[in-house]
């Protein structure tokens, strides 16, 4: 599941998601100049990869690992522990 807004993007990388699409989606979003891209992965353990757009490509800025609360400051401030996120 993912939600797209004019200023940010969220992507869920699940076993049901096809790997080519998970590689292709960030390219499309970068082309659309969406400044933030968050990718949630579950295997081997939940983790959230936060990326920001720099000179036309996404650069990973933060990786939130399960079991610890990570503070993310852009595009908004939030504290998150990926262990609390479940597959749906």
Protein backbone atom coordinates (compact mmCIF):
# COMPACT_ATOMS: atom_id res chain seq x y z
CA UNK A 1 0.00 0.00 0.00
CA UNK A 2 1.28 3.49 -0.77
CA UNK A 3 -0.12 6.96 -0.78
CA UNK A 4 1.06 9.78 -3.01
CA UNK A 5 0.78 13.44 -2.11
CA UNK A 6 2.17 16.50 -3.91
CA UNK A 7 5.03 16.86 -1.41
CA UNK A 8 5.95 13.31 -0.40
CA UNK A 9 5.65 9.66 -1.28
CA UNK A 10 5.28 6.43 0.66
CA UNK A 11 5.95 2.97 -0.74
CA UNK A 12 5.44 -0.45 0.81
CA UNK A 13 7.85 -3.12 -0.38
CA UNK A 14 6.06 -6.39 0.28
CA UNK A 15 6.52 -9.88 -1.14
CA UNK A 16 3.47 -9.19 -3.30
CA UNK A 17 5.16 -6.16 -4.85
CA UNK A 18 7.16 -6.97 -7.93
CA UNK A 19 10.84 -6.09 -7.67
CA UNK A 20 11.01 -4.33 -11.07
CA UNK A 21 8.24 -1.97 -9.94
CA UNK A 22 10.01 -1.19 -6.66
CA UNK A 23 13.06 -0.13 -8.70
CA UNK A 24 10.99 1.74 -11.31
CA UNK A 25 8.69 3.64 -8.93
CA UNK A 26 11.42 5.88 -7.44
CA UNK A 27 12.51 6.87 -10.95
CA UNK A 28 8.97 7.97 -11.83
CA UNK A 29 8.58 9.88 -8.58
CA UNK A 30 11.95 11.60 -9.02
CA UNK A 31 10.91 12.61 -12.54
CA UNK A 32 7.76 14.13 -11.02
CA UNK A 33 10.01 16.05 -8.56
CA UNK A 34 8.43 14.56 -5.42
CA UNK A 35 10.96 15.65 -2.78
CA UNK A 36 10.58 12.78 -0.27
CA UNK A 37 10.30 9.03 -0.76
CA UNK A 38 9.77 6.57 2.11
CA UNK A 39 10.09 2.82 1.51
CA UNK A 40 8.92 0.25 4.08
CA UNK A 41 10.50 -3.19 3.87
CA UNK A 42 9.56 -6.22 5.96
CA UNK A 43 12.22 -8.81 5.16
CA UNK A 44 14.24 -9.82 7.07
CA UNK A 45 12.79 -7.38 9.67
CA UNK A 46 10.71 -4.20 9.37
CA UNK A 47 12.70 -1.14 8.37
CA UNK A 48 11.83 2.23 6.91
CA UNK A 49 14.18 3.83 4.39
CA UNK A 50 13.74 7.59 4.05
CA UNK A 51 15.11 9.30 0.94
CA UNK A 52 15.21 12.89 -0.28
CA UNK A 53 15.45 14.15 -3.83
CA UNK A 54 18.84 15.72 -4.66
CA UNK A 55 19.77 16.77 -8.20
CA UNK A 56 17.11 14.57 -9.76
CA UNK A 57 17.68 11.34 -7.81
CA UNK A 58 16.80 9.98 -4.38
CA UNK A 59 19.48 9.81 -1.70
CA UNK A 60 18.86 7.74 1.43
CA UNK A 61 18.96 10.01 4.46
CA UNK A 62 17.65 7.80 7.27
CA UNK A 63 17.05 4.12 7.92
CA UNK A 64 14.70 3.34 10.81
CA UNK A 65 15.21 -0.17 12.18
CA UNK A 66 12.69 -2.29 14.10
CA UNK A 67 12.99 -2.10 17.86
CA UNK A 68 14.12 1.52 18.10
CA UNK A 69 12.24 4.77 17.70
CA UNK A 70 13.84 6.91 14.99
CA UNK A 71 13.14 10.63 14.73
CA UNK A 72 12.52 11.83 11.16
CA UNK A 73 12.38 15.58 10.50
CA UNK A 74 11.34 15.95 6.84
CA UNK A 75 8.83 16.39 5.29
CA UNK A 76 7.36 16.51 8.84
CA UNK A 77 8.63 15.57 12.29
CA UNK A 78 7.71 12.10 13.51
CA UNK A 79 9.12 9.40 15.76
CA UNK A 80 8.63 5.91 14.35
CA UNK A 81 9.52 2.31 15.17
CA UNK A 82 8.97 0.09 12.11
CA UNK A 83 8.28 -2.87 14.44
CA UNK A 84 4.91 -1.25 15.17
CA UNK A 85 3.91 -1.29 11.51
CA UNK A 86 2.18 -4.41 10.31
CA UNK A 87 1.48 -5.95 6.94
CA UNK A 88 -2.05 -5.50 5.69
